[in-house]
Amino acid sequence: MNSITRFLARPAALAALSLVLLVGPSGCSTASRVGVTNDFDHAVNFRAFKTWAWYPQQPTDTEGGPAKGYESFLDKRMRAAVRAEMTRKGLVESTTSPDVYVAYSARVEDKQQVSPYYNGLGYPWYGYGYYGRGIAPVTQYKAGTVVIDIIDARRKELAWRGTGQAQVNQNTIDELETTRIVSGILSTYPPQDHNARR
């Protein structure tokens, strides 16, 4: 029996290892990765877009900002983060005849995750008996989801959509998390696709 097998054979060691594996994923939400997806119109020449503006009828965010005639905190964070990323990409904000409009939506939802560290073999979670058999630990967490749309202003059609989701710490998306999610989404714009026109 090697040293690892001997270590795992001890009930106390198994209990400690189980606790570390269960607590680990939930304890690192601020550094969690952003899951990003995107889709786009392959016929669009994205390199021709040089100027942008906010879509005139921006939908309401989860805190109800724009529809109430003022900006919520989340709305301010979103606009600042998008502005910074668009500037970084060389696009200029313009209120007169922009090439594209930008719109977004943001929400926070309660989610559940089944732990991948379930042993399934009946090894004791807490050092006694076979409590772990057939039971997969479930972690509750909050997920912030942001959708950013880029609309071709001339054709009035959706050209690109990016979606990002990350674990957040509260019922809103704070400034650091907003920046992280928005930069993650817009890191995939413009799309690098051999089918897109050059």
N, C-alpha and C. Protein backbone atom coordinates (compact mmCIF):
# COMPACT_ATOMS: atom_id res chain seq x y z
N MET A 1 0.86 -1.19 0.00
CA MET A 1 0.00 0.00 0.00
C MET A 1 0.89 1.23 0.00
N ASN A 2 0.80 2.08 -1.03
CA ASN A 2 1.67 3.25 -1.07
C ASN A 2 1.14 4.34 -0.15
N SER A 3 1.90 5.44 -0.04
CA SER A 3 1.57 6.48 0.93
C SER A 3 0.25 7.18 0.61
N ILE A 4 -0.07 7.36 -0.67
CA ILE A 4 -1.33 8.02 -1.04
C ILE A 4 -2.51 7.15 -0.67
N THR A 5 -2.42 5.85 -0.97
CA THR A 5 -3.50 4.93 -0.63
C THR A 5 -3.70 4.88 0.87
N ARG A 6 -2.58 4.85 1.65
CA ARG A 6 -2.69 4.83 3.11
C ARG A 6 -3.35 6.10 3.62
N PHE A 7 -3.01 7.25 2.98
CA PHE A 7 -3.61 8.53 3.41
C PHE A 7 -5.12 8.52 3.18
N LEU A 8 -5.52 8.06 1.99
CA LEU A 8 -6.95 8.07 1.64
C LEU A 8 -7.74 7.02 2.41
N ALA A 9 -7.06 6.04 2.98
CA ALA A 9 -7.75 5.00 3.74
C ALA A 9 -8.17 5.50 5.11
N ARG A 10 -7.61 6.61 5.58
CA ARG A 10 -7.95 7.13 6.90
C ARG A 10 -9.25 7.92 6.84
N PRO A 11 -10.21 7.66 7.71
CA PRO A 11 -11.47 8.40 7.73
C PRO A 11 -11.29 9.90 7.92
N ALA A 12 -10.37 10.27 8.81
CA ALA A 12 -10.16 11.70 9.07
C ALA A 12 -9.61 12.40 7.83
N ALA A 13 -8.72 11.73 7.11
CA ALA A 13 -8.14 12.31 5.89
C ALA A 13 -9.21 12.49 4.83
N LEU A 14 -10.08 11.49 4.71
CA LEU A 14 -11.17 11.59 3.73
C LEU A 14 -12.10 12.74 4.06
N ALA A 15 -12.40 12.89 5.34
CA ALA A 15 -13.28 13.99 5.76
C ALA A 15 -12.67 15.33 5.42
N ALA A 16 -11.38 15.48 5.70
CA ALA A 16 -10.69 16.75 5.41
C ALA A 16 -10.65 17.02 3.92
N LEU A 17 -10.34 15.98 3.13
CA LEU A 17 -10.27 16.14 1.69
C LEU A 17 -11.62 16.51 1.12
N SER A 18 -12.69 15.87 1.60
CA SER A 18 -14.04 16.16 1.14
C SER A 18 -14.40 17.61 1.42
N LEU A 19 -14.06 18.08 2.62
CA LEU A 19 -14.37 19.45 3.00
C LEU A 19 -13.65 20.45 2.11
N VAL A 20 -12.39 20.21 1.82
CA VAL A 20 -11.61 21.10 0.95
C VAL A 20 -12.21 21.15 -0.44
N LEU A 21 -12.58 19.98 -0.96
CA LEU A 21 -13.14 19.93 -2.31
C LEU A 21 -14.50 20.59 -2.39
N LEU A 22 -15.29 20.48 -1.34
CA LEU A 22 -16.61 21.09 -1.35
C LEU A 22 -16.55 22.59 -1.17
N VAL A 23 -15.69 23.05 -0.28
CA VAL A 23 -15.60 24.48 0.01
C VAL A 23 -14.82 25.21 -1.07
N GLY A 24 -13.85 24.55 -1.68
CA GLY A 24 -12.97 25.19 -2.66
C GLY A 24 -13.67 25.95 -3.75
N PRO A 25 -14.59 25.33 -4.53
CA PRO A 25 -15.20 26.03 -5.64
C PRO A 25 -16.01 27.24 -5.24
N SER A 26 -16.68 27.18 -4.06
CA SER A 26 -17.52 28.29 -3.67
C SER A 26 -16.72 29.43 -3.05
N GLY A 27 -15.48 29.18 -2.69
CA GLY A 27 -14.69 30.20 -2.02
C GLY A 27 -13.89 31.07 -2.95
N CYS A 28 -14.02 30.88 -4.27
CA CYS A 28 -13.18 31.64 -5.19
C CYS A 28 -14.02 32.35 -6.25
N SER A 29 -15.20 32.84 -5.85
CA SER A 29 -16.11 33.44 -6.83
C SER A 29 -15.54 34.70 -7.46
N THR A 30 -14.76 35.47 -6.71
CA THR A 30 -14.25 36.71 -7.27
C THR A 30 -13.23 36.46 -8.37
N ALA A 31 -12.62 35.27 -8.37
CA ALA A 31 -11.63 34.95 -9.40
C ALA A 31 -12.19 33.96 -10.42
N SER A 32 -13.50 33.72 -10.36
CA SER A 32 -14.08 32.73 -11.26
C SER A 32 -14.01 33.20 -12.71
N ARG A 33 -13.95 32.23 -13.60
CA ARG A 33 -13.82 32.54 -15.01
C ARG A 33 -15.15 33.02 -15.58
N VAL A 34 -15.07 33.75 -16.67
CA VAL A 34 -16.25 34.21 -17.37
C VAL A 34 -16.50 33.24 -18.53
N GLY A 35 -17.68 32.65 -18.54
CA GLY A 35 -18.06 31.80 -19.67
C GLY A 35 -18.61 32.69 -20.78
N VAL A 36 -17.99 32.66 -21.94
CA VAL A 36 -18.34 33.57 -23.02
C VAL A 36 -18.75 32.80 -24.28
N THR A 37 -19.83 33.24 -24.91
CA THR A 37 -20.23 32.71 -26.22
C THR A 37 -20.58 33.90 -27.11
N ASN A 38 -20.53 33.69 -28.43
CA ASN A 38 -20.97 34.75 -29.33
C ASN A 38 -21.50 34.16 -30.62
N ASP A 39 -22.25 34.97 -31.33
CA ASP A 39 -22.77 34.60 -32.64
C ASP A 39 -22.79 35.87 -33.47
N PHE A 40 -22.71 35.72 -34.79
CA PHE A 40 -22.66 36.92 -35.62
C PHE A 40 -23.08 36.62 -37.05
N ASP A 41 -23.37 37.68 -37.78
CA ASP A 41 -23.73 37.59 -39.19
C ASP A 41 -22.44 37.47 -39.99
N HIS A 42 -22.24 36.34 -40.63
CA HIS A 42 -20.98 36.08 -41.35
C HIS A 42 -20.82 36.93 -42.60
N ALA A 43 -21.89 37.59 -43.03
CA ALA A 43 -21.81 38.43 -44.23
C ALA A 43 -21.38 39.86 -43.92
N VAL A 44 -21.27 40.19 -42.64
CA VAL A 44 -20.96 41.57 -42.25
C VAL A 44 -19.45 41.83 -42.27
N ASN A 45 -19.06 42.99 -42.79
CA ASN A 45 -17.66 43.42 -42.78
C ASN A 45 -17.43 44.26 -41.51
N PHE A 46 -17.04 43.60 -40.44
CA PHE A 46 -16.88 44.27 -39.15
C PHE A 46 -15.75 45.29 -39.15
N ARG A 47 -14.78 45.13 -40.04
CA ARG A 47 -13.66 46.06 -40.09
C ARG A 47 -14.08 47.43 -40.62
N ALA A 48 -15.24 47.49 -41.25
CA ALA A 48 -15.73 48.77 -41.77
C ALA A 48 -16.37 49.63 -40.68
N PHE A 49 -16.65 49.04 -39.52
CA PHE A 49 -17.29 49.78 -38.43
C PHE A 49 -16.24 50.59 -37.66
N LYS A 50 -16.44 51.90 -37.63
CA LYS A 50 -15.48 52.79 -36.96
C LYS A 50 -16.12 53.60 -35.83
N THR A 51 -17.42 53.82 -35.89
CA THR A 51 -18.10 54.64 -34.88
C THR A 51 -19.29 53.88 -34.30
N TRP A 52 -19.66 54.25 -33.08
CA TRP A 52 -20.77 53.57 -32.41
C TRP A 52 -21.54 54.54 -31.52
N ALA A 53 -22.76 54.14 -31.18
CA ALA A 53 -23.60 54.90 -30.25
C ALA A 53 -24.48 53.92 -29.49
N TRP A 54 -25.04 54.36 -28.38
CA TRP A 54 -25.97 53.51 -27.64
C TRP A 54 -27.26 53.37 -28.43
N TYR A 55 -27.81 52.19 -28.39
CA TYR A 55 -29.09 51.95 -29.07
C TYR A 55 -30.14 52.88 -28.45
N PRO A 56 -30.92 53.57 -29.29
CA PRO A 56 -31.85 54.59 -28.77
C PRO A 56 -32.89 54.06 -27.78
N GLN A 57 -33.27 52.80 -27.89
CA GLN A 57 -34.27 52.24 -26.99
C GLN A 57 -33.65 51.14 -26.15
N GLN A 58 -32.69 51.53 -25.31
CA GLN A 58 -32.00 50.58 -24.45
C GLN A 58 -32.99 49.88 -23.53
N PRO A 59 -33.02 48.54 -23.51
CA PRO A 59 -33.95 47.84 -22.61
C PRO A 59 -33.61 48.06 -21.14
N THR A 60 -34.60 47.84 -20.29
CA THR A 60 -34.42 48.03 -18.86
C THR A 60 -33.49 46.97 -18.29
N ASP A 61 -32.55 47.40 -17.40
CA ASP A 61 -31.71 46.41 -16.74
C ASP A 61 -32.45 45.85 -15.52
N THR A 62 -31.82 44.93 -14.79
CA THR A 62 -32.50 44.26 -13.68
C THR A 62 -32.84 45.22 -12.54
N GLU A 63 -32.18 46.36 -12.49
CA GLU A 63 -32.48 47.33 -11.44
C GLU A 63 -33.45 48.41 -11.91
N GLY A 64 -33.94 48.29 -13.14
CA GLY A 64 -34.98 49.19 -13.63
C GLY A 64 -34.52 50.59 -13.97
N GLY A 65 -33.23 50.79 -14.29
CA GLY A 65 -32.70 52.13 -14.52
C GLY A 65 -33.29 52.93 -15.66
N PRO A 66 -32.95 52.63 -16.90
CA PRO A 66 -33.33 53.49 -18.02
C PRO A 66 -34.83 53.74 -18.15
N ALA A 67 -35.64 52.72 -17.87
CA ALA A 67 -37.09 52.88 -18.03
C ALA A 67 -37.67 53.85 -17.02
N LYS A 68 -36.96 54.10 -15.93
CA LYS A 68 -37.45 55.02 -14.91
C LYS A 68 -36.91 56.44 -15.10
N GLY A 69 -36.16 56.65 -16.17
CA GLY A 69 -35.68 57.99 -16.46
C GLY A 69 -34.36 58.34 -15.80
N TYR A 70 -33.71 57.39 -15.16
CA TYR A 70 -32.39 57.63 -14.58
C TYR A 70 -31.58 56.35 -14.68
N GLU A 71 -30.28 56.47 -14.50
CA GLU A 71 -29.40 55.31 -14.59
C GLU A 71 -29.25 54.64 -13.24
N SER A 72 -29.41 53.32 -13.21
CA SER A 72 -29.14 52.58 -11.99
C SER A 72 -27.61 52.45 -11.85
N PHE A 73 -27.17 51.96 -10.70
CA PHE A 73 -25.73 51.74 -10.51
C PHE A 73 -25.21 50.73 -11.52
N LEU A 74 -25.97 49.66 -11.75
CA LEU A 74 -25.55 48.64 -12.71
C LEU A 74 -25.47 49.24 -14.11
N ASP A 75 -26.42 50.09 -14.46
CA ASP A 75 -26.41 50.72 -15.78
C ASP A 75 -25.16 51.58 -15.96
N LYS A 76 -24.81 52.34 -14.94
CA LYS A 76 -23.60 53.17 -15.01
C LYS A 76 -22.35 52.32 -15.17
N ARG A 77 -22.29 51.20 -14.41
CA ARG A 77 -21.12 50.31 -14.52
C ARG A 77 -21.03 49.70 -15.91
N MET A 78 -22.18 49.26 -16.43
CA MET A 78 -22.20 48.64 -17.75
C MET A 78 -21.74 49.62 -18.81
N ARG A 79 -22.27 50.83 -18.77
CA ARG A 79 -21.92 51.83 -19.78
C ARG A 79 -20.44 52.20 -19.71
N ALA A 80 -19.91 52.33 -18.51
CA ALA A 80 -18.49 52.66 -18.36
C ALA A 80 -17.60 51.53 -18.90
N ALA A 81 -17.97 50.29 -18.59
CA ALA A 81 -17.17 49.15 -19.03
C ALA A 81 -17.22 48.97 -20.54
N VAL A 82 -18.41 49.12 -21.13
CA VAL A 82 -18.54 48.99 -22.58
C VAL A 82 -17.78 50.11 -23.28
N ARG A 83 -17.93 51.35 -22.78
CA ARG A 83 -17.23 52.50 -23.36
C ARG A 83 -15.72 52.26 -23.38
N ALA A 84 -15.18 51.78 -22.27
CA ALA A 84 -13.73 51.55 -22.16
C ALA A 84 -13.28 50.50 -23.17
N GLU A 85 -14.05 49.42 -23.31
CA GLU A 85 -13.67 48.36 -24.25
C GLU A 85 -13.78 48.80 -25.71
N MET A 86 -14.82 49.55 -26.03
CA MET A 86 -14.99 50.03 -27.40
C MET A 86 -13.85 51.00 -27.77
N THR A 87 -13.47 51.85 -26.83
CA THR A 87 -12.36 52.77 -27.05
C THR A 87 -11.06 51.99 -27.25
N ARG A 88 -10.86 50.95 -26.45
CA ARG A 88 -9.67 50.11 -26.55
C ARG A 88 -9.58 49.45 -27.93
N LYS A 89 -10.72 49.21 -28.54
CA LYS A 89 -10.75 48.57 -29.85
C LYS A 89 -10.69 49.58 -31.00
N GLY A 90 -10.59 50.87 -30.65
CA GLY A 90 -10.43 51.89 -31.67
C GLY A 90 -11.73 52.43 -32.25
N LEU A 91 -12.86 52.07 -31.66
CA LEU A 91 -14.13 52.61 -32.13
C LEU A 91 -14.45 53.90 -31.39
N VAL A 92 -14.97 54.86 -32.11
CA VAL A 92 -15.23 56.19 -31.55
C VAL A 92 -16.73 56.34 -31.30
N GLU A 93 -17.08 56.81 -30.09
CA GLU A 93 -18.49 57.04 -29.78
C GLU A 93 -18.97 58.28 -30.52
N SER A 94 -20.09 58.15 -31.21
CA SER A 94 -20.62 59.26 -32.01
C SER A 94 -22.14 59.28 -31.94
N THR A 95 -22.71 60.45 -31.73
CA THR A 95 -24.16 60.57 -31.67
C THR A 95 -24.78 60.87 -33.04
N THR A 96 -23.93 61.15 -34.03
CA THR A 96 -24.45 61.44 -35.36
C THR A 96 -24.00 60.37 -36.36
N SER A 97 -24.96 59.69 -36.94
CA SER A 97 -24.73 58.66 -37.96
C SER A 97 -23.66 57.63 -37.57
N PRO A 98 -23.83 56.94 -36.45
CA PRO A 98 -22.84 55.90 -36.08
C PRO A 98 -22.94 54.71 -37.02
N ASP A 99 -21.86 53.96 -37.11
CA ASP A 99 -21.86 52.73 -37.93
C ASP A 99 -22.66 51.63 -37.24
N VAL A 100 -22.53 51.56 -35.91
CA VAL A 100 -23.25 50.53 -35.15
C VAL A 100 -23.88 51.12 -33.90
N TYR A 101 -24.94 50.45 -33.46
CA TYR A 101 -25.53 50.75 -32.15
C TYR A 101 -25.15 49.61 -31.20
N VAL A 102 -25.01 49.94 -29.92
CA VAL A 102 -24.71 48.94 -28.90
C VAL A 102 -25.84 48.93 -27.87
N ALA A 103 -26.32 47.75 -27.56
CA ALA A 103 -27.32 47.57 -26.51
C ALA A 103 -26.87 46.41 -25.63
N TYR A 104 -27.40 46.36 -24.42
CA TYR A 104 -27.03 45.28 -23.52
C TYR A 104 -28.21 44.93 -22.61
N SER A 105 -28.13 43.77 -22.01
CA SER A 105 -29.03 43.41 -20.91
C SER A 105 -28.19 42.72 -19.85
N ALA A 106 -28.60 42.85 -18.60
CA ALA A 106 -27.84 42.26 -17.49
C ALA A 106 -28.81 41.78 -16.42
N ARG A 107 -28.49 40.61 -15.85
CA ARG A 107 -29.36 40.08 -14.80
C ARG A 107 -28.53 39.17 -13.88
N VAL A 108 -29.06 38.97 -12.67
CA VAL A 108 -28.46 38.06 -11.71
C VAL A 108 -29.50 37.00 -11.37
N GLU A 109 -29.08 35.73 -11.42
CA GLU A 109 -30.00 34.63 -11.16
C GLU A 109 -29.40 33.67 -10.14
N ASP A 110 -30.27 32.98 -9.41
CA ASP A 110 -29.83 31.92 -8.51
C ASP A 110 -29.61 30.65 -9.32
N LYS A 111 -28.47 30.00 -9.09
CA LYS A 111 -28.13 28.78 -9.82
C LYS A 111 -27.75 27.68 -8.84
N GLN A 112 -27.72 26.45 -9.35
CA GLN A 112 -27.27 25.30 -8.57
C GLN A 112 -26.21 24.56 -9.36
N GLN A 113 -25.23 24.03 -8.64
CA GLN A 113 -24.18 23.24 -9.28
C GLN A 113 -23.96 21.95 -8.48
N VAL A 114 -23.99 20.84 -9.19
CA VAL A 114 -23.71 19.56 -8.55
C VAL A 114 -22.20 19.37 -8.55
N SER A 115 -21.64 19.09 -7.37
CA SER A 115 -20.19 18.99 -7.23
C SER A 115 -19.63 17.83 -8.05
N PRO A 116 -18.56 18.06 -8.83
CA PRO A 116 -17.92 16.97 -9.57
C PRO A 116 -17.06 16.08 -8.68
N TYR A 117 -16.96 16.43 -7.40
CA TYR A 117 -16.09 15.68 -6.50
C TYR A 117 -16.83 14.59 -5.73
N TYR A 118 -18.00 14.23 -6.20
CA TYR A 118 -18.77 13.15 -5.59
C TYR A 118 -18.05 11.83 -5.81
N ASN A 119 -17.84 11.05 -4.74
CA ASN A 119 -17.05 9.82 -4.92
C ASN A 119 -17.86 8.68 -5.52
N GLY A 120 -19.15 8.57 -5.23
CA GLY A 120 -20.00 7.59 -5.86
C GLY A 120 -19.71 6.15 -5.47
N LEU A 121 -18.68 5.92 -4.68
CA LEU A 121 -18.28 4.55 -4.35
C LEU A 121 -18.62 4.18 -2.92
N GLY A 122 -19.21 5.12 -2.19
CA GLY A 122 -19.58 4.82 -0.81
C GLY A 122 -18.52 5.14 0.20
N TYR A 123 -17.45 5.83 -0.23
CA TYR A 123 -16.46 6.24 0.77
C TYR A 123 -17.10 7.26 1.70
N PRO A 124 -16.80 7.21 2.98
CA PRO A 124 -17.46 8.11 3.93
C PRO A 124 -17.03 9.57 3.74
N TRP A 125 -18.00 10.48 3.67
CA TRP A 125 -17.69 11.91 3.57
C TRP A 125 -17.16 12.44 4.90
N TYR A 126 -17.74 11.97 5.99
CA TYR A 126 -17.42 12.55 7.29
C TYR A 126 -16.67 11.57 8.19
N GLY A 127 -16.19 10.48 7.61
CA GLY A 127 -15.40 9.54 8.39
C GLY A 127 -16.20 8.45 9.07
N TYR A 128 -17.52 8.44 8.87
CA TYR A 128 -18.35 7.41 9.52
C TYR A 128 -19.30 6.81 8.50
N GLY A 129 -19.36 5.52 8.43
CA GLY A 129 -20.34 4.82 7.63
C GLY A 129 -20.20 5.08 6.14
N TYR A 130 -21.32 5.00 5.44
CA TYR A 130 -21.33 5.16 3.99
C TYR A 130 -22.29 6.28 3.59
N TYR A 131 -22.17 7.39 4.27
CA TYR A 131 -23.08 8.52 4.06
C TYR A 131 -23.02 9.07 2.64
N GLY A 132 -21.85 8.97 2.02
CA GLY A 132 -21.68 9.58 0.71
C GLY A 132 -22.30 8.81 -0.44
N ARG A 133 -22.70 7.57 -0.23
CA ARG A 133 -23.19 6.74 -1.34
C ARG A 133 -24.48 7.35 -1.92
N GLY A 134 -24.44 7.61 -3.24
CA GLY A 134 -25.64 8.06 -3.95
C GLY A 134 -26.03 9.50 -3.71
N ILE A 135 -25.22 10.27 -3.01
CA ILE A 135 -25.57 11.67 -2.72
C ILE A 135 -24.53 12.58 -3.36
N ALA A 136 -24.99 13.48 -4.24
CA ALA A 136 -24.09 14.44 -4.88
C ALA A 136 -24.31 15.81 -4.26
N PRO A 137 -23.30 16.40 -3.63
CA PRO A 137 -23.46 17.71 -2.99
C PRO A 137 -23.87 18.78 -4.00
N VAL A 138 -24.80 19.64 -3.62
CA VAL A 138 -25.28 20.71 -4.48
C VAL A 138 -24.88 22.05 -3.89
N THR A 139 -24.25 22.89 -4.71
CA THR A 139 -23.82 24.22 -4.27
C THR A 139 -24.76 25.27 -4.86
N GLN A 140 -25.26 26.17 -4.01
CA GLN A 140 -26.09 27.28 -4.47
C GLN A 140 -25.17 28.48 -4.74
N TYR A 141 -25.39 29.18 -5.85
CA TYR A 141 -24.59 30.37 -6.13
C TYR A 141 -25.39 31.33 -7.01
N LYS A 142 -24.88 32.55 -7.14
CA LYS A 142 -25.52 33.55 -7.98
C LYS A 142 -24.68 33.75 -9.24
N ALA A 143 -25.36 33.83 -10.37
CA ALA A 143 -24.68 34.02 -11.65
C ALA A 143 -25.13 35.33 -12.28
N GLY A 144 -24.15 36.12 -12.67
CA GLY A 144 -24.43 37.35 -13.41
C GLY A 144 -24.31 37.07 -14.89
N THR A 145 -25.36 37.38 -15.64
CA THR A 145 -25.37 37.16 -17.08
C THR A 145 -25.51 38.49 -17.80
N VAL A 146 -24.63 38.73 -18.77
CA VAL A 146 -24.65 39.96 -19.56
C VAL A 146 -24.72 39.59 -21.03
N VAL A 147 -25.61 40.26 -21.76
CA VAL A 147 -25.71 40.09 -23.22
C VAL A 147 -25.42 41.44 -23.86
N ILE A 148 -24.49 41.47 -24.81
CA ILE A 148 -24.16 42.70 -25.53
C ILE A 148 -24.47 42.48 -27.01
N ASP A 149 -25.29 43.38 -27.56
CA ASP A 149 -25.66 43.32 -28.97
C ASP A 149 -25.02 44.47 -29.73
N ILE A 150 -24.52 44.18 -30.92
CA ILE A 150 -24.01 45.21 -31.82
C ILE A 150 -24.88 45.17 -33.07
N ILE A 151 -25.55 46.29 -33.32
CA ILE A 151 -26.54 46.37 -34.39
C ILE A 151 -25.99 47.23 -35.53
N ASP A 152 -26.09 46.72 -36.74
CA ASP A 152 -25.69 47.49 -37.92
C ASP A 152 -26.67 48.65 -38.08
N ALA A 153 -26.20 49.87 -37.89
CA ALA A 153 -27.09 51.04 -37.87
C ALA A 153 -27.72 51.30 -39.23
N ARG A 154 -27.01 51.03 -40.29
CA ARG A 154 -27.55 51.29 -41.63
C ARG A 154 -28.65 50.30 -41.99
N ARG A 155 -28.41 49.02 -41.72
CA ARG A 155 -29.39 47.99 -42.07
C ARG A 155 -30.43 47.76 -40.97
N LYS A 156 -30.17 48.31 -39.77
CA LYS A 156 -31.07 48.11 -38.62
C LYS A 156 -31.24 46.61 -38.31
N GLU A 157 -30.13 45.87 -38.39
CA GLU A 157 -30.15 44.44 -38.12
C GLU A 157 -29.03 44.06 -37.16
N LEU A 158 -29.29 43.02 -36.38
CA LEU A 158 -28.28 42.53 -35.45
C LEU A 158 -27.08 41.98 -36.23
N ALA A 159 -25.88 42.48 -35.88
CA ALA A 159 -24.66 42.03 -36.55
C ALA A 159 -23.87 41.05 -35.69
N TRP A 160 -23.89 41.27 -34.36
CA TRP A 160 -23.08 40.46 -33.44
C TRP A 160 -23.74 40.42 -32.08
N ARG A 161 -23.69 39.28 -31.43
CA ARG A 161 -24.19 39.16 -30.05
C ARG A 161 -23.19 38.36 -29.23
N GLY A 162 -22.80 38.93 -28.09
CA GLY A 162 -21.91 38.23 -27.16
C GLY A 162 -22.60 38.05 -25.82
N THR A 163 -22.41 36.90 -25.22
CA THR A 163 -23.00 36.60 -23.91
C THR A 163 -21.92 36.15 -22.96
N GLY A 164 -21.96 36.67 -21.73
CA GLY A 164 -21.00 36.26 -20.71
C GLY A 164 -21.70 35.97 -19.40
N GLN A 165 -21.20 34.97 -18.70
CA GLN A 165 -21.77 34.62 -17.40
C GLN A 165 -20.65 34.28 -16.43
N ALA A 166 -20.79 34.77 -15.20
CA ALA A 166 -19.80 34.48 -14.17
C ALA A 166 -20.48 34.45 -12.81
N GLN A 167 -19.87 33.75 -11.88
CA GLN A 167 -20.39 33.72 -10.52
C GLN A 167 -20.16 35.08 -9.87
N VAL A 168 -21.19 35.61 -9.18
CA VAL A 168 -21.08 36.91 -8.51
C VAL A 168 -21.39 36.74 -7.03
N ASN A 169 -21.11 37.79 -6.27
CA ASN A 169 -21.19 37.67 -4.82
C ASN A 169 -22.49 38.18 -4.21
N GLN A 170 -23.33 38.85 -4.99
CA GLN A 170 -24.53 39.44 -4.42
C GLN A 170 -25.63 39.52 -5.47
N ASN A 171 -26.70 40.27 -5.17
CA ASN A 171 -27.85 40.35 -6.07
C ASN A 171 -27.66 41.34 -7.21
N THR A 172 -26.54 41.99 -7.26
CA THR A 172 -26.21 42.85 -8.39
C THR A 172 -24.81 42.48 -8.86
N ILE A 173 -24.37 43.09 -9.95
CA ILE A 173 -23.03 42.84 -10.47
C ILE A 173 -22.19 44.05 -10.12
N ASP A 174 -21.20 43.88 -9.25
CA ASP A 174 -20.42 45.03 -8.80
C ASP A 174 -19.48 45.52 -9.89
N GLU A 175 -18.76 46.60 -9.59
CA GLU A 175 -17.93 47.26 -10.61
C GLU A 175 -16.84 46.34 -11.17
N LEU A 176 -16.14 45.65 -10.29
CA LEU A 176 -15.07 44.75 -10.72
C LEU A 176 -15.62 43.61 -11.57
N GLU A 177 -16.72 43.03 -11.12
CA GLU A 177 -17.33 41.92 -11.86
C GLU A 177 -17.88 42.38 -13.21
N THR A 178 -18.47 43.58 -13.25
CA THR A 178 -18.98 44.13 -14.50
C THR A 178 -17.87 44.29 -15.52
N THR A 179 -16.76 44.88 -15.07
CA THR A 179 -15.61 45.07 -15.96
C THR A 179 -15.08 43.74 -16.47
N ARG A 180 -15.00 42.76 -15.57
CA ARG A 180 -14.48 41.45 -15.93
C ARG A 180 -15.37 40.75 -16.96
N ILE A 181 -16.68 40.81 -16.75
CA ILE A 181 -17.61 40.13 -17.67
C ILE A 181 -17.64 40.84 -19.02
N VAL A 182 -17.73 42.18 -19.01
CA VAL A 182 -17.79 42.94 -20.27
C VAL A 182 -16.51 42.76 -21.08
N SER A 183 -15.36 42.84 -20.42
CA SER A 183 -14.10 42.66 -21.15
C SER A 183 -13.98 41.25 -21.70
N GLY A 184 -14.50 40.27 -20.97
CA GLY A 184 -14.50 38.90 -21.45
C GLY A 184 -15.35 38.75 -22.71
N ILE A 185 -16.53 39.36 -22.70
CA ILE A 185 -17.42 39.28 -23.86
C ILE A 185 -16.80 39.98 -25.06
N LEU A 186 -16.37 41.23 -24.87
CA LEU A 186 -15.88 42.02 -26.00
C LEU A 186 -14.47 41.62 -26.44
N SER A 187 -13.84 40.72 -25.69
CA SER A 187 -12.55 40.19 -26.17
C SER A 187 -12.75 39.35 -27.43
N THR A 188 -13.98 38.94 -27.69
CA THR A 188 -14.27 38.12 -28.88
C THR A 188 -14.79 38.97 -30.04
N TYR A 189 -14.77 40.30 -29.88
CA TYR A 189 -15.20 41.21 -30.95
C TYR A 189 -14.01 42.03 -31.44
N PRO A 190 -13.85 42.26 -32.76
CA PRO A 190 -14.66 41.69 -33.83
C PRO A 190 -14.37 40.20 -34.00
N PRO A 191 -15.32 39.46 -34.56
CA PRO A 191 -15.12 38.01 -34.68
C PRO A 191 -13.97 37.68 -35.62
N GLN A 192 -13.17 36.71 -35.22
CA GLN A 192 -12.07 36.24 -36.05
C GLN A 192 -12.53 34.97 -36.75
N ASP A 193 -13.11 35.13 -37.92
CA ASP A 193 -13.68 33.99 -38.63
C ASP A 193 -13.30 34.08 -40.10
N HIS A 194 -12.83 32.98 -40.68
CA HIS A 194 -12.37 33.02 -42.06
C HIS A 194 -13.53 33.22 -43.03
N ASN A 195 -14.78 33.00 -42.55
CA ASN A 195 -15.93 33.21 -43.42
C ASN A 195 -16.38 34.66 -43.43
N ALA A 196 -15.97 35.44 -42.39
CA ALA A 196 -16.36 36.86 -42.33
C ALA A 196 -15.60 37.63 -43.40
N ARG A 197 -16.27 38.61 -43.98
CA ARG A 197 -15.63 39.39 -45.03
C ARG A 197 -14.50 40.23 -44.46
N ARG A 198 -13.43 40.37 -45.23
CA ARG A 198 -12.28 41.16 -44.80
C ARG A 198 -12.41 42.60 -45.28
